[in-house]
Amino acid sequence: MNSLSGVNSAMNRKVRNGFTQLFHFGYHQAMSCIFPVAIFGTLALSGAVNLPFIHRYDAILLVLLTVQYLMYRSGLETMDEIKVICVFHIIGLLLEIYKVSMGSWAYPEPGFSKIFGVPLYSGFMYASVASFMCQIWRRLSMDMTGWPGLLPAGLLGGAIYLNFFTHHFIPDFRWWLTGLVLIVFWRTWILYRVRNVTYRMPLTLAFVIVGFFIWLAENIATFFNAWKYPDQHQTWQMVGFGKISSWFLLVIISVIIVAQLKHVKAGRADRQSG
């Protein structure tokens, strides 16, 4: 009887500990999503409310700039993370300008903060991925094993980004690039810590998971008229599942840049301490 009671007690402790770990993991995930949530919240609110004296796109830009400032001033983001976000904003904005010019999607509403038909706030949607990456990396004390190094990772990331531009006039190599991702990162694992327990996950699996959730966010964004695909001008419909592969590849670019910067910073800290 005492033995059975001991087994039940051990199982209860294991279940409680599991829920505690899940709660802490969820908390850090939620805190890392503050900026993406701010973006989609602003899109939803501005789409439901008629804004006087200011265009919707301009208002969204002002709100997001304010959120970024407040996150930095409050210590939720560091200056290094702000720099990474700015890099992603530029990368995303250049891609947006090109895609809009090719008719892939459109921003039909007026605004003073539009460049070549693209509102400046759109770069923040890419920067929000970088914000999440930086935040979760720091909050879960993330690290990687089997990182392939700057040259193969950088060349692959560059090829993926270039393919987003070139597939309009030469064959789309996304599936070949996806195969290269599996080859280059097949030995790479993410290590992350929740309280005092370390877990690990294949990096390619993390790419798929994040890409899927960005695809869900994209459906929300188009529903609130953040932008429109050609088949959504008459009425909203779900973004095709094929877009998951695009986000999968875009996430890889994000991880490559963030991970390489983290490795460089860690190496610099080791040299200074030595």
Protein backbone atom coordinates (compact mmCIF):
# COMPACT_ATOMS: atom_id res chain seq x y z
CA MET A 1 0.00 0.00 0.00
CA ASN A 2 2.81 2.38 0.90
CA SER A 3 4.57 1.41 -2.32
CA LEU A 4 1.47 2.26 -4.39
CA SER A 5 1.10 5.57 -2.55
CA GLY A 6 4.73 6.38 -3.29
CA VAL A 7 4.27 5.64 -7.00
CA ASN A 8 1.17 7.88 -7.15
CA SER A 9 3.02 10.66 -5.34
CA ALA A 10 5.94 10.42 -7.76
CA MET A 11 3.56 10.52 -10.74
CA ASN A 12 1.77 13.56 -9.32
CA ARG A 13 5.08 15.37 -8.85
CA LYS A 14 6.07 14.49 -12.41
CA VAL A 15 2.77 15.80 -13.79
CA ARG A 16 3.00 19.02 -11.73
CA ASN A 17 6.58 19.53 -12.84
CA GLY A 18 5.55 18.96 -16.46
CA PHE A 19 2.81 21.59 -16.22
CA THR A 20 5.24 23.99 -14.51
CA GLN A 21 7.76 23.53 -17.32
CA LEU A 22 5.04 24.04 -19.92
CA PHE A 23 3.84 27.20 -18.16
CA HIS A 24 7.34 28.70 -18.06
CA PHE A 25 7.95 27.76 -21.70
CA GLY A 26 4.64 29.32 -22.72
CA TYR A 27 5.36 32.45 -20.69
CA HIS A 28 8.69 33.04 -22.44
CA GLN A 29 7.13 32.33 -25.82
CA ALA A 30 4.39 34.88 -25.09
CA MET A 31 6.86 37.52 -23.89
CA SER A 32 8.94 36.96 -27.03
CA CYS A 33 5.84 37.62 -29.17
CA ILE A 34 5.10 41.10 -27.78
CA PHE A 35 6.13 42.90 -30.96
CA PRO A 36 4.37 40.50 -33.38
CA VAL A 37 1.22 40.75 -31.22
CA ALA A 38 1.52 44.55 -31.30
CA ILE A 39 1.65 44.41 -35.10
CA PHE A 40 -1.42 42.22 -35.51
CA GLY A 41 -3.30 44.05 -32.79
CA THR A 42 -2.64 47.35 -34.57
CA LEU A 43 -3.69 45.88 -37.90
CA ALA A 44 -6.93 44.58 -36.41
CA LEU A 45 -7.79 47.77 -34.53
CA SER A 46 -6.93 50.10 -37.40
CA GLY A 47 -9.00 47.95 -39.76
CA ALA A 48 -12.05 48.10 -37.50
CA VAL A 49 -11.87 51.81 -36.61
CA ASN A 50 -12.01 54.74 -39.02
CA LEU A 51 -9.02 56.93 -38.18
CA PRO A 52 -9.55 60.69 -38.60
CA PHE A 53 -6.84 63.02 -39.94
CA ILE A 54 -4.34 60.23 -40.71
CA HIS A 55 -4.03 57.43 -43.22
CA ARG A 56 -4.18 53.91 -41.81
CA TYR A 57 -0.72 52.89 -43.07
CA ASP A 58 0.84 56.01 -41.54
CA ALA A 59 -0.88 55.38 -38.20
CA ILE A 60 0.36 51.78 -38.13
CA LEU A 61 3.93 52.97 -38.73
CA LEU A 62 3.73 55.50 -35.88
CA VAL A 63 2.30 52.93 -33.47
CA LEU A 64 4.99 50.34 -34.29
CA LEU A 65 7.81 52.88 -33.95
CA THR A 66 6.39 53.80 -30.55
CA VAL A 67 6.17 50.15 -29.48
CA GLN A 68 9.79 49.57 -30.50
CA TYR A 69 10.90 52.64 -28.54
CA LEU A 70 8.98 51.57 -25.44
CA MET A 71 10.36 48.02 -25.64
CA TYR A 72 13.89 49.38 -25.76
CA ARG A 73 13.36 51.91 -22.97
CA SER A 74 11.75 49.27 -20.75
CA GLY A 75 14.62 46.82 -21.28
CA LEU A 76 12.52 44.26 -23.16
CA GLU A 77 14.91 44.68 -26.09
CA THR A 78 18.61 45.49 -26.10
CA MET A 79 20.43 47.81 -28.50
CA ASP A 80 22.00 44.80 -30.25
CA GLU A 81 18.52 43.38 -30.83
CA ILE A 82 17.32 46.72 -32.19
CA LYS A 83 20.19 46.64 -34.69
CA VAL A 84 19.21 43.15 -35.84
CA ILE A 85 15.58 44.28 -36.20
CA CYS A 86 16.68 47.23 -38.34
CA VAL A 87 18.64 44.89 -40.63
CA PHE A 88 15.56 42.70 -41.08
CA HIS A 89 13.38 45.74 -41.68
CA ILE A 90 15.62 46.74 -44.61
CA ILE A 91 15.80 43.17 -45.98
CA GLY A 92 12.02 42.84 -45.76
CA LEU A 93 11.29 46.25 -47.25
CA LEU A 94 13.51 45.58 -50.29
CA LEU A 95 11.72 42.28 -50.85
CA GLU A 96 8.33 43.96 -50.46
CA ILE A 97 9.16 46.66 -53.01
CA TYR A 98 10.24 44.05 -55.53
CA LYS A 99 7.25 41.74 -54.94
CA VAL A 100 4.73 44.58 -55.19
CA SER A 101 6.34 45.77 -58.43
CA MET A 102 5.96 42.22 -59.81
CA GLY A 103 2.28 42.10 -58.83
CA SER A 104 2.66 39.36 -56.21
CA TRP A 105 0.53 41.37 -53.77
CA ALA A 106 -0.54 44.97 -53.23
CA TYR A 107 -1.15 47.65 -50.60
CA PRO A 108 -4.20 49.39 -52.07
CA GLU A 109 -4.81 52.02 -49.37
CA PRO A 110 -3.31 55.53 -49.52
CA GLY A 111 -0.52 56.73 -47.25
CA PHE A 112 2.27 59.29 -47.04
CA SER A 113 4.74 56.67 -45.74
CA LYS A 114 4.66 54.56 -48.91
CA ILE A 115 7.74 53.98 -51.09
CA PHE A 116 7.15 52.54 -54.57
CA GLY A 117 3.70 51.46 -53.46
CA VAL A 118 4.90 49.81 -50.23
CA PRO A 119 4.15 51.26 -46.77
CA LEU A 120 7.18 51.51 -44.52
CA TYR A 121 5.43 49.61 -41.76
CA SER A 122 5.59 46.44 -43.88
CA GLY A 123 9.27 46.00 -43.04
CA PHE A 124 8.29 45.58 -39.40
CA MET A 125 6.41 42.39 -40.26
CA TYR A 126 9.76 40.84 -41.22
CA ALA A 127 11.48 42.56 -38.31
CA SER A 128 8.95 40.98 -35.95
CA VAL A 129 10.42 37.57 -36.86
CA ALA A 130 13.85 38.87 -35.88
CA SER A 131 12.41 40.33 -32.67
CA PHE A 132 10.95 36.94 -31.76
CA MET A 133 14.22 35.15 -32.60
CA CYS A 134 16.33 37.51 -30.50
CA GLN A 135 13.92 37.48 -27.58
CA ILE A 136 13.46 33.71 -27.40
CA TRP A 137 17.19 33.13 -27.86
CA ARG A 138 17.94 35.26 -24.81
CA ARG A 139 15.01 34.14 -22.66
CA LEU A 140 15.60 30.41 -23.14
CA SER A 141 19.42 30.69 -23.11
CA MET A 142 19.51 29.07 -26.52
CA ASP A 143 22.56 27.60 -28.15
CA MET A 144 23.29 25.33 -31.10
CA THR A 145 25.41 22.29 -31.72
CA GLY A 146 26.70 21.31 -35.14
CA TRP A 147 26.45 24.82 -36.59
CA PRO A 148 27.86 24.56 -40.16
CA GLY A 149 29.75 27.87 -40.01
CA LEU A 150 29.48 31.23 -41.74
CA LEU A 151 30.47 30.20 -45.28
CA PRO A 152 27.96 27.36 -45.98
CA ALA A 153 25.18 28.97 -43.91
CA GLY A 154 25.78 32.41 -45.44
CA LEU A 155 25.90 31.13 -49.01
CA LEU A 156 22.72 29.13 -48.49
CA GLY A 157 20.95 32.10 -46.90
CA GLY A 158 22.03 34.35 -49.76
CA ALA A 159 20.81 31.83 -52.35
CA ILE A 160 17.43 31.54 -50.61
CA TYR A 161 16.99 35.32 -50.50
CA LEU A 162 18.05 35.67 -54.14
CA ASN A 163 15.56 33.00 -55.20
CA PHE A 164 12.69 35.15 -53.87
CA PHE A 165 13.67 37.65 -56.58
CA THR A 166 14.80 35.44 -59.47
CA HIS A 167 11.95 32.91 -59.54
CA HIS A 168 9.86 35.46 -61.45
CA PHE A 169 12.00 35.05 -64.58
CA ILE A 170 13.98 31.82 -64.09
CA PRO A 171 12.86 28.47 -62.59
CA ASP A 172 11.98 28.41 -58.89
CA PHE A 173 14.68 26.51 -56.98
CA ARG A 174 12.93 26.51 -53.61
CA TRP A 175 12.69 22.71 -53.41
CA TRP A 176 16.34 22.29 -54.36
CA LEU A 177 17.20 24.86 -51.70
CA THR A 178 15.02 23.02 -49.19
CA GLY A 179 17.03 19.87 -49.93
CA LEU A 180 20.25 21.82 -49.36
CA VAL A 181 18.87 23.05 -46.03
CA LEU A 182 18.40 19.45 -44.89
CA ILE A 183 21.96 18.62 -45.96
CA VAL A 184 23.69 21.70 -44.51
CA PHE A 185 21.82 21.63 -41.18
CA TRP A 186 21.29 17.90 -40.70
CA ARG A 187 23.70 17.86 -37.72
CA THR A 188 22.47 21.14 -36.20
CA TRP A 189 20.37 21.02 -33.03
CA ILE A 190 18.89 23.83 -30.95
CA LEU A 191 19.53 23.66 -27.23
CA TYR A 192 17.14 25.60 -25.01
CA ARG A 193 16.61 25.77 -21.27
CA VAL A 194 13.37 25.97 -19.32
CA ARG A 195 14.18 26.67 -15.67
CA ASN A 196 16.94 24.17 -14.87
CA VAL A 197 16.18 21.63 -17.61
CA THR A 198 17.87 21.61 -21.03
CA TYR A 199 15.98 20.39 -24.08
CA ARG A 200 16.99 20.03 -27.70
CA MET A 201 15.31 20.03 -31.10
CA PRO A 202 16.53 19.56 -34.70
CA LEU A 203 16.98 23.00 -36.25
CA THR A 204 15.11 22.01 -39.42
CA LEU A 205 12.08 21.03 -37.32
CA ALA A 206 12.18 24.48 -35.69
CA PHE A 207 12.19 26.02 -39.21
CA VAL A 208 9.00 24.13 -40.09
CA ILE A 209 7.21 25.01 -36.83
CA VAL A 210 8.00 28.73 -37.02
CA GLY A 211 7.15 28.83 -40.74
CA PHE A 212 3.76 27.26 -40.04
CA PHE A 213 2.89 29.81 -37.36
CA ILE A 214 3.99 32.69 -39.59
CA TRP A 215 1.65 31.29 -42.27
CA LEU A 216 -1.19 31.39 -39.70
CA ALA A 217 -0.23 34.98 -38.88
CA GLU A 218 -0.22 35.79 -42.59
CA ASN A 219 -3.82 34.62 -42.85
CA ILE A 220 -4.72 36.92 -39.96
CA ALA A 221 -2.82 39.83 -41.53
CA THR A 222 -4.52 39.50 -44.92
CA PHE A 223 -7.90 39.13 -43.22
CA PHE A 224 -7.31 42.54 -41.62
CA ASN A 225 -6.16 44.01 -44.97
CA ALA A 226 -2.47 44.37 -44.09
CA TRP A 227 -1.94 43.52 -47.76
CA LYS A 228 -3.84 41.66 -50.46
CA TYR A 229 -2.86 38.82 -52.75
CA PRO A 230 -4.34 38.98 -56.26
CA ASP A 231 -6.99 36.36 -55.42
CA GLN A 232 -8.09 38.32 -52.32
CA HIS A 233 -9.15 41.59 -53.95
CA GLN A 234 -12.77 40.62 -54.34
CA THR A 235 -13.14 38.72 -51.07
CA TRP A 236 -10.78 37.31 -48.48
CA GLN A 237 -9.79 33.68 -48.73
CA MET A 238 -7.22 31.57 -46.95
CA VAL A 239 -3.60 31.89 -48.05
CA GLY A 240 -2.50 28.73 -49.87
CA PHE A 241 -0.54 26.06 -47.99
CA GLY A 242 2.27 26.48 -50.51
CA LYS A 243 3.20 29.74 -48.75
CA ILE A 244 4.44 27.70 -45.79
CA SER A 245 7.46 26.70 -47.86
CA SER A 246 8.22 30.37 -48.54
CA TRP A 247 8.06 31.23 -44.86
CA PHE A 248 10.11 28.12 -44.05
CA LEU A 249 12.90 29.46 -46.27
CA LEU A 250 12.53 33.01 -44.97
CA VAL A 251 12.82 31.79 -41.38
CA ILE A 252 16.09 30.11 -42.34
CA ILE A 253 17.50 33.48 -43.41
CA SER A 254 16.41 34.95 -40.08
CA VAL A 255 17.98 32.15 -38.04
CA ILE A 256 21.22 32.26 -40.04
CA ILE A 257 21.67 35.98 -39.41
CA VAL A 258 20.66 35.89 -35.74
CA ALA A 259 22.67 32.73 -34.98
CA GLN A 260 25.78 34.02 -36.72
CA LEU A 261 25.59 37.34 -34.85
CA LYS A 262 25.16 35.45 -31.56
CA HIS A 263 28.19 33.30 -32.37
CA VAL A 264 30.27 36.36 -33.22
CA LYS A 265 29.19 38.11 -30.03
CA ALA A 266 29.92 35.01 -27.91
CA GLY A 267 33.36 34.68 -29.48
CA ARG A 268 34.10 38.34 -28.79
CA ALA A 269 33.03 37.92 -25.15
CA ASP A 270 35.26 34.84 -24.79
CA ARG A 271 38.27 36.76 -26.13
CA GLN A 272 37.64 39.67 -23.77
CA SER A 273 37.28 37.35 -20.76
CA GLY A 274 40.43 35.48 -21.75
